Each structure stands twice: as C-alpha cells, then as structure tokens.
PDB file of N, CA and C in Angstrom:
ATOM      1  N   MET A   1       0.851  -1.166   0.000  1.00  0.00           N
ATOM      2  CA  MET A   1       0.000   0.000   0.000  1.00  0.00           C
ATOM      3  C   MET A   1       0.901   1.234   0.000  1.00  0.00           C
ATOM      4  N   GLY A   2       0.605   2.188  -0.884  1.00  0.00           N
ATOM      5  CA  GLY A   2       1.392   3.409  -0.973  1.00  0.00           C
ATOM      6  C   GLY A   2       1.164   4.333   0.219  1.00  0.00           C
ATOM      7  N   LYS A   3       2.081   5.269   0.395  1.00  0.00           N
ATOM      8  CA  LYS A   3       1.996   6.194   1.532  1.00  0.00           C
ATOM      9  C   LYS A   3       0.739   7.053   1.473  1.00  0.00           C
ATOM     10  N   LYS A   4       0.391   7.530   0.293  1.00  0.00           N
ATOM     11  CA  LYS A   4      -0.787   8.387   0.156  1.00  0.00           C
ATOM     12  C   LYS A   4      -2.064   7.605   0.426  1.00  0.00           C
ATOM     13  N   LEU A   5      -2.137   6.403  -0.113  1.00  0.00           N
ATOM     14  CA  LEU A   5      -3.316   5.569   0.124  1.00  0.00           C
ATOM     15  C   LEU A   5      -3.420   5.206   1.598  1.00  0.00           C
ATOM     16  N   PHE A   6      -2.290   4.919   2.223  1.00  0.00           N
ATOM     17  CA  PHE A   6      -2.292   4.583   3.645  1.00  0.00           C
ATOM     18  C   PHE A   6      -2.744   5.769   4.493  1.00  0.00           C
ATOM     19  N   SER A   7      -2.342   6.987   4.124  1.00  0.00           N
ATOM     20  CA  SER A   7      -2.775   8.160   4.892  1.00  0.00           C
ATOM     21  C   SER A   7      -4.274   8.391   4.735  1.00  0.00           C
ATOM     22  N   VAL A   8      -4.813   8.182   3.542  1.00  0.00           N
ATOM     23  CA  VAL A   8      -6.261   8.299   3.331  1.00  0.00           C
ATOM     24  C   VAL A   8      -6.982   7.220   4.125  1.00  0.00           C
ATOM     25  N   TYR A   9      -6.439   6.018   4.125  1.00  0.00           N
ATOM     26  CA  TYR A   9      -7.018   4.910   4.877  1.00  0.00           C
ATOM     27  C   TYR A   9      -7.070   5.233   6.373  1.00  0.00           C
ATOM     28  N   ASP A  10      -5.976   5.770   6.916  1.00  0.00           N
ATOM     29  CA  ASP A  10      -5.936   6.122   8.341  1.00  0.00           C
ATOM     30  C   ASP A  10      -7.000   7.156   8.703  1.00  0.00           C
ATOM     31  N   VAL A  11      -7.128   8.187   7.883  1.00  0.00           N
ATOM     32  CA  VAL A  11      -8.121   9.227   8.151  1.00  0.00           C
ATOM     33  C   VAL A  11      -9.529   8.654   8.022  1.00  0.00           C
ATOM     34  N   LEU A  12      -9.730   7.787   7.051  1.00  0.00           N
ATOM     35  CA  LEU A  12     -11.033   7.141   6.870  1.00  0.00           C
ATOM     36  C   LEU A  12     -11.406   6.315   8.093  1.00  0.00           C
ATOM     37  N   VAL A  13     -10.460   5.569   8.613  1.00  0.00           N
ATOM     38  CA  VAL A  13     -10.699   4.749   9.803  1.00  0.00           C
ATOM     39  C   VAL A  13     -11.022   5.634  11.008  1.00  0.00           C
ATOM     40  N   GLN A  14     -10.341   6.761  11.135  1.00  0.00           N
ATOM     41  CA  GLN A  14     -10.637   7.692  12.229  1.00  0.00           C
ATOM     42  C   GLN A  14     -12.061   8.221  12.119  1.00  0.00           C
ATOM     43  N   GLY A  15     -12.465   8.572  10.914  1.00  0.00           N
ATOM     44  CA  GLY A  15     -13.813   9.094  10.707  1.00  0.00           C
ATOM     45  C   GLY A  15     -14.886   8.070  11.007  1.00  0.00           C
ATOM     46  N   VAL A  16     -14.658   6.836  10.588  1.00  0.00           N
ATOM     47  CA  VAL A  16     -15.616   5.765  10.881  1.00  0.00           C
ATOM     48  C   VAL A  16     -15.671   5.519  12.381  1.00  0.00           C
ATOM     49  N   GLY A  17     -14.531   5.600  13.039  1.00  0.00           N
ATOM     50  CA  GLY A  17     -14.489   5.436  14.493  1.00  0.00           C
ATOM     51  C   GLY A  17     -15.276   6.497  15.230  1.00  0.00           C
ATOM     52  N   GLN A  18     -15.427   7.664  14.619  1.00  0.00           N
ATOM     53  CA  GLN A  18     -16.208   8.743  15.214  1.00  0.00           C
ATOM     54  C   GLN A  18     -17.685   8.660  14.841  1.00  0.00           C
ATOM     55  N   GLY A  19     -18.050   7.651  14.061  1.00  0.00           N
ATOM     56  CA  GLY A  19     -19.451   7.458  13.704  1.00  0.00           C
ATOM     57  C   GLY A  19     -19.893   8.209  12.463  1.00  0.00           C
ATOM     58  N   LEU A  20     -18.960   8.679  11.658  1.00  0.00           N
ATOM     59  CA  LEU A  20     -19.310   9.408  10.444  1.00  0.00           C
ATOM     60  C   LEU A  20     -19.605   8.446   9.307  1.00  0.00           C
ATOM     61  N   SER A  21     -20.438   8.872   8.374  1.00  0.00           N
ATOM     62  CA  SER A  21     -20.718   8.078   7.180  1.00  0.00           C
ATOM     63  C   SER A  21     -21.182   9.009   6.069  1.00  0.00           C
ATOM     64  N   GLY A  22     -21.183   8.501   4.855  1.00  0.00           N
ATOM     65  CA  GLY A  22     -21.668   9.264   3.714  1.00  0.00           C
ATOM     66  C   GLY A  22     -20.872  10.536   3.467  1.00  0.00           C
ATOM     67  N   TYR A  23     -21.599  11.627   3.205  1.00  0.00           N
ATOM     68  CA  TYR A  23     -20.936  12.893   2.888  1.00  0.00           C
ATOM     69  C   TYR A  23     -20.170  13.464   4.073  1.00  0.00           C
ATOM     70  N   GLU A  24     -20.627  13.193   5.282  1.00  0.00           N
ATOM     71  CA  GLU A  24     -19.882  13.649   6.461  1.00  0.00           C
ATOM     72  C   GLU A  24     -18.499  13.004   6.495  1.00  0.00           C
ATOM     73  N   LEU A  25     -18.455  11.710   6.209  1.00  0.00           N
ATOM     74  CA  LEU A  25     -17.182  10.995   6.178  1.00  0.00           C
ATOM     75  C   LEU A  25     -16.314  11.494   5.023  1.00  0.00           C
ATOM     76  N   TYR A  26     -16.925  11.722   3.877  1.00  0.00           N
ATOM     77  CA  TYR A  26     -16.196  12.249   2.719  1.00  0.00           C
ATOM     78  C   TYR A  26     -15.573  13.606   3.044  1.00  0.00           C
ATOM     79  N   ASN A  27     -16.349  14.502   3.616  1.00  0.00           N
ATOM     80  CA  ASN A  27     -15.839  15.828   3.977  1.00  0.00           C
ATOM     81  C   ASN A  27     -14.746  15.741   5.031  1.00  0.00           C
ATOM     82  N   PHE A  28     -14.887  14.807   5.967  1.00  0.00           N
ATOM     83  CA  PHE A  28     -13.874  14.593   6.996  1.00  0.00           C
ATOM     84  C   PHE A  28     -12.549  14.172   6.361  1.00  0.00           C
ATOM     85  N   VAL A  29     -12.612  13.214   5.442  1.00  0.00           N
ATOM     86  CA  VAL A  29     -11.396  12.722   4.786  1.00  0.00           C
ATOM     87  C   VAL A  29     -10.782  13.813   3.913  1.00  0.00           C
ATOM     88  N   MET A  30     -11.600  14.511   3.145  1.00  0.00           N
ATOM     89  CA  MET A  30     -11.085  15.567   2.268  1.00  0.00           C
ATOM     90  C   MET A  30     -10.474  16.714   3.072  1.00  0.00           C
ATOM     91  N   GLY A  31     -11.038  17.012   4.225  1.00  0.00           N
ATOM     92  CA  GLY A  31     -10.524  18.099   5.045  1.00  0.00           C
ATOM     93  C   GLY A  31      -9.249  17.769   5.792  1.00  0.00           C
ATOM     94  N   ARG A  32      -9.078  16.515   6.153  1.00  0.00           N
ATOM     95  CA  ARG A  32      -7.925  16.125   6.972  1.00  0.00           C
ATOM     96  C   ARG A  32      -6.747  15.586   6.184  1.00  0.00           C
ATOM     97  N   CYS A  33      -6.978  15.129   4.976  1.00  0.00           N
ATOM     98  CA  CYS A  33      -5.911  14.470   4.218  1.00  0.00           C
ATOM     99  C   CYS A  33      -5.691  15.197   2.893  1.00  0.00           C
ATOM    100  N   LYS A  34      -4.514  15.789   2.741  1.00  0.00           N
ATOM    101  CA  LYS A  34      -4.208  16.536   1.521  1.00  0.00           C
ATOM    102  C   LYS A  34      -4.038  15.620   0.315  1.00  0.00           C
ATOM    103  N   ALA A  35      -3.686  14.370   0.545  1.00  0.00           N
ATOM    104  CA  ALA A  35      -3.434  13.433  -0.546  1.00  0.00           C
ATOM    105  C   ALA A  35      -4.704  12.731  -1.018  1.00  0.00           C
ATOM    106  N   SER A  36      -5.858  13.150  -0.523  1.00  0.00           N
ATOM    107  CA  SER A  36      -7.086  12.440  -0.864  1.00  0.00           C
ATOM    108  C   SER A  36      -7.583  12.831  -2.252  1.00  0.00           C
ATOM    109  N   SER A  37      -8.111  11.839  -2.934  1.00  0.00           N
ATOM    110  CA  SER A  37      -8.779  12.021  -4.215  1.00  0.00           C
ATOM    111  C   SER A  37      -9.918  11.011  -4.242  1.00  0.00           C
ATOM    112  N   ASN A  38     -10.818  11.161  -5.181  1.00  0.00           N
ATOM    113  CA  ASN A  38     -11.944  10.235  -5.247  1.00  0.00           C
ATOM    114  C   ASN A  38     -11.471   8.796  -5.424  1.00  0.00           C
ATOM    115  N   LYS A  39     -10.468   8.605  -6.253  1.00  0.00           N
ATOM    116  CA  LYS A  39      -9.938   7.262  -6.502  1.00  0.00           C
ATOM    117  C   LYS A  39      -9.307   6.669  -5.242  1.00  0.00           C
ATOM    118  N   ARG A  40      -8.535   7.467  -4.520  1.00  0.00           N
ATOM    119  CA  ARG A  40      -7.894   6.973  -3.297  1.00  0.00           C
ATOM    120  C   ARG A  40      -8.922   6.694  -2.204  1.00  0.00           C
ATOM    121  N   ILE A  41      -9.933   7.538  -2.103  1.00  0.00           N
ATOM    122  CA  ILE A  41     -10.971   7.306  -1.098  1.00  0.00           C
ATOM    123  C   ILE A  41     -11.709   6.011  -1.401  1.00  0.00           C
ATOM    124  N   CYS A  42     -12.000   5.761  -2.660  1.00  0.00           N
ATOM    125  CA  CYS A  42     -12.667   4.514  -3.046  1.00  0.00           C
ATOM    126  C   CYS A  42     -11.794   3.310  -2.707  1.00  0.00           C
ATOM    127  N   ARG A  43     -10.520   3.362  -3.040  1.00  0.00           N
ATOM    128  CA  ARG A  43      -9.610   2.246  -2.745  1.00  0.00           C
ATOM    129  C   ARG A  43      -9.437   2.040  -1.244  1.00  0.00           C
ATOM    130  N   ALA A  44      -9.296   3.133  -0.505  1.00  0.00           N
ATOM    131  CA  ALA A  44      -9.147   3.029   0.949  1.00  0.00           C
ATOM    132  C   ALA A  44     -10.414   2.455   1.578  1.00  0.00           C
ATOM    133  N   SER A  45     -11.566   2.803   1.040  1.00  0.00           N
ATOM    134  CA  SER A  45     -12.832   2.262   1.549  1.00  0.00           C
ATOM    135  C   SER A  45     -12.915   0.761   1.322  1.00  0.00           C
ATOM    136  N   LEU A  46     -12.500   0.327   0.147  1.00  0.00           N
ATOM    137  CA  LEU A  46     -12.520  -1.109  -0.137  1.00  0.00           C
ATOM    138  C   LEU A  46     -11.536  -1.859   0.757  1.00  0.00           C
ATOM    139  N   LEU A  47     -10.389  -1.273   1.030  1.00  0.00           N
ATOM    140  CA  LEU A  47      -9.434  -1.892   1.954  1.00  0.00           C
ATOM    141  C   LEU A  47     -10.010  -1.974   3.362  1.00  0.00           C
ATOM    142  N   ALA A  48     -10.677  -0.914   3.785  1.00  0.00           N
ATOM    143  CA  ALA A  48     -11.254  -0.893   5.129  1.00  0.00           C
ATOM    144  C   ALA A  48     -12.369  -1.922   5.273  1.00  0.00           C
ATOM    145  N   MET A  49     -13.121  -2.162   4.202  1.00  0.00           N
ATOM    146  CA  MET A  49     -14.194  -3.161   4.277  1.00  0.00           C
ATOM    147  C   MET A  49     -13.640  -4.567   4.453  1.00  0.00           C
ATOM    148  N   SER A  50     -12.416  -4.803   4.009  1.00  0.00           N
ATOM    149  CA  SER A  50     -11.838  -6.138   4.123  1.00  0.00           C
ATOM    150  C   SER A  50     -11.075  -6.344   5.428  1.00  0.00           C
ATOM    151  N   ASP A  51     -10.948  -5.297   6.249  1.00  0.00           N
ATOM    152  CA  ASP A  51     -10.234  -5.408   7.519  1.00  0.00           C
ATOM    153  C   ASP A  51     -11.079  -6.106   8.576  1.00  0.00           C
ATOM    154  N   ALA A  52     -10.414  -6.883   9.394  1.00  0.00           N
ATOM    155  CA  ALA A  52     -11.100  -7.622  10.459  1.00  0.00           C
ATOM    156  C   ALA A  52     -11.694  -6.735  11.552  1.00  0.00           C
ATOM    157  N   PRO A  53     -11.070  -5.601  11.930  1.00  0.00           N
ATOM    158  CA  PRO A  53     -11.634  -4.808  13.030  1.00  0.00           C
ATOM    159  C   PRO A  53     -13.025  -4.243  12.748  1.00  0.00           C
ATOM    160  N   PHE A  54     -13.413  -4.145  11.490  1.00  0.00           N
ATOM    161  CA  PHE A  54     -14.709  -3.563  11.164  1.00  0.00           C
ATOM    162  C   PHE A  54     -15.765  -4.647  11.032  1.00  0.00           C
ATOM    163  N   LEU A  55     -16.224  -5.133  12.155  1.00  0.00           N
ATOM    164  CA  LEU A  55     -17.283  -6.133  12.153  1.00  0.00           C
ATOM    165  C   LEU A  55     -18.623  -5.521  12.526  1.00  0.00           C
ATOM    166  N   ASP A  56     -18.613  -4.269  12.957  1.00  0.00           N
ATOM    167  CA  ASP A  56     -19.832  -3.566  13.314  1.00  0.00           C
ATOM    168  C   ASP A  56     -20.618  -3.232  12.044  1.00  0.00           C
ATOM    169  N   ARG A  57     -21.891  -3.533  12.052  1.00  0.00           N
ATOM    170  CA  ARG A  57     -22.720  -3.318  10.868  1.00  0.00           C
ATOM    171  C   ARG A  57     -22.765  -1.848  10.457  1.00  0.00           C
ATOM    172  N   ASN A  58     -22.900  -0.951  11.415  1.00  0.00           N
ATOM    173  CA  ASN A  58     -22.978   0.477  11.099  1.00  0.00           C
ATOM    174  C   ASN A  58     -21.681   0.983  10.473  1.00  0.00           C
ATOM    175  N   ALA A  59     -20.555   0.513  10.980  1.00  0.00           N
ATOM    176  CA  ALA A  59     -19.265   0.918  10.415  1.00  0.00           C
ATOM    177  C   ALA A  59     -19.129   0.412   8.981  1.00  0.00           C
ATOM    178  N   LEU A  60     -19.516  -0.827   8.756  1.00  0.00           N
ATOM    179  CA  LEU A  60     -19.430  -1.384   7.407  1.00  0.00           C
ATOM    180  C   LEU A  60     -20.361  -0.660   6.442  1.00  0.00           C
ATOM    181  N   GLU A  61     -21.560  -0.298   6.905  1.00  0.00           N
ATOM    182  CA  GLU A  61     -22.487   0.441   6.046  1.00  0.00           C
ATOM    183  C   GLU A  61     -21.939   1.823   5.703  1.00  0.00           C
ATOM    184  N   GLY A  62     -21.293   2.475   6.674  1.00  0.00           N
ATOM    185  CA  GLY A  62     -20.691   3.779   6.412  1.00  0.00           C
ATOM    186  C   GLY A  62     -19.577   3.698   5.393  1.00  0.00           C
ATOM    187  N   ILE A  63     -18.744   2.678   5.524  1.00  0.00           N
ATOM    188  CA  ILE A  63     -17.642   2.487   4.585  1.00  0.00           C
ATOM    189  C   ILE A  63     -18.181   2.120   3.207  1.00  0.00           C
ATOM    190  N   TYR A  64     -19.191   1.266   3.176  1.00  0.00           N
ATOM    191  CA  TYR A  64     -19.785   0.863   1.902  1.00  0.00           C
ATOM    192  C   TYR A  64     -20.409   2.061   1.188  1.00  0.00           C
ATOM    193  N   SER A  65     -21.074   2.922   1.944  1.00  0.00           N
ATOM    194  CA  SER A  65     -21.726   4.075   1.312  1.00  0.00           C
ATOM    195  C   SER A  65     -20.707   5.028   0.697  1.00  0.00           C
ATOM    196  N   ILE A  66     -19.600   5.265   1.382  1.00  0.00           N
ATOM    197  CA  ILE A  66     -18.599   6.170   0.800  1.00  0.00           C
ATOM    198  C   ILE A  66     -17.892   5.503  -0.376  1.00  0.00           C
ATOM    199  N   ALA A  67     -17.693   4.194  -0.321  1.00  0.00           N
ATOM    200  CA  ALA A  67     -17.054   3.494  -1.438  1.00  0.00           C
ATOM    201  C   ALA A  67     -17.928   3.568  -2.687  1.00  0.00           C
ATOM    202  N   THR A  68     -19.226   3.345  -2.537  1.00  0.00           N
ATOM    203  CA  THR A  68     -20.109   3.399  -3.703  1.00  0.00           C
ATOM    204  C   THR A  68     -20.254   4.823  -4.220  1.00  0.00           C
ATOM    205  N   ASP A  69     -20.348   5.797  -3.324  1.00  0.00           N
ATOM    206  CA  ASP A  69     -20.437   7.196  -3.763  1.00  0.00           C
ATOM    207  C   ASP A  69     -19.204   7.597  -4.561  1.00  0.00           C
ATOM    208  N   GLN A  70     -18.032   7.224  -4.077  1.00  0.00           N
ATOM    209  CA  GLN A  70     -16.799   7.591  -4.765  1.00  0.00           C
ATOM    210  C   GLN A  70     -16.658   6.847  -6.080  1.00  0.00           C
ATOM    211  N   ARG A  71     -17.115   5.628  -6.120  1.00  0.00           N
ATOM    212  CA  ARG A  71     -17.047   4.854  -7.366  1.00  0.00           C
ATOM    213  C   ARG A  71     -17.945   5.488  -8.423  1.00  0.00           C
ATOM    214  N   MET A  72     -19.114   5.946  -8.002  1.00  0.00           N
ATOM    215  CA  MET A  72     -20.022   6.603  -8.940  1.00  0.00           C
ATOM    216  C   MET A  72     -19.427   7.929  -9.427  1.00  0.00           C
ATOM    217  N   ARG A  73     -18.747   8.651  -8.555  1.00  0.00           N
ATOM    218  CA  ARG A  73     -18.115   9.909  -8.961  1.00  0.00           C
ATOM    219  C   ARG A  73     -16.988   9.660  -9.954  1.00  0.00           C
ATOM    220  N   CYS A  74     -16.236   8.578  -9.751  1.00  0.00           N
ATOM    221  CA  CYS A  74     -15.118   8.267 -10.646  1.00  0.00           C
ATOM    222  C   CYS A  74     -15.605   7.820 -12.022  1.00  0.00           C
ATOM    223  N   SER A  75     -16.739   7.149 -12.064  1.00  0.00           N
ATOM    224  CA  SER A  75     -17.212   6.598 -13.329  1.00  0.00           C
ATOM    225  C   SER A  75     -17.998   7.601 -14.160  1.00  0.00           C
ATOM    226  N   GLY A  76     -18.503   8.629 -13.554  1.00  0.00           N
ATOM    227  CA  GLY A  76     -19.339   9.524 -14.358  1.00  0.00           C
ATOM    228  C   GLY A  76     -19.155  10.891 -14.023  1.00  0.00           C
TER     229      GLY A  76
END
C-alpha cells in the first residue's frame, strides 16, 4: 500500500471510528488528508471493508456508502 493511500485509509478509519458516514465521512477525509482524491478514497474504503476490526454493521455500512459514492463519482 502506498503512503498516500495509507494516509487516506488512516483518516477514513478515524472518521468511521467517530461514527461518520456518507458525505460527512467524505468531507472529513477531504478536510484532513491533503493526498485524498476520489480514486484513493474509493480504494481506501474497499481496503477498510476487508479489515477484520470492522465487524460492526454500522461501520461497514458507512464504509460501503462512501465506497459506492466515490465509485459513482469516478465513473461519471
């Protein structure tokens, strides 16, 4: 994992830990991480969904929502 992707991943995990999801989580990541882009946020979200610590349904739904939103932004 690259340094920029890892930094986006760390900020994403912090935001999910605070109970953020959707656009709130997106704004949190964009505000805290200078290396963030739609593509990196999507990749970091997919990595976070595969991590073992995220077994909470609400956390997974938050990560899934930002991953799908970013994927839609990248495709169109």
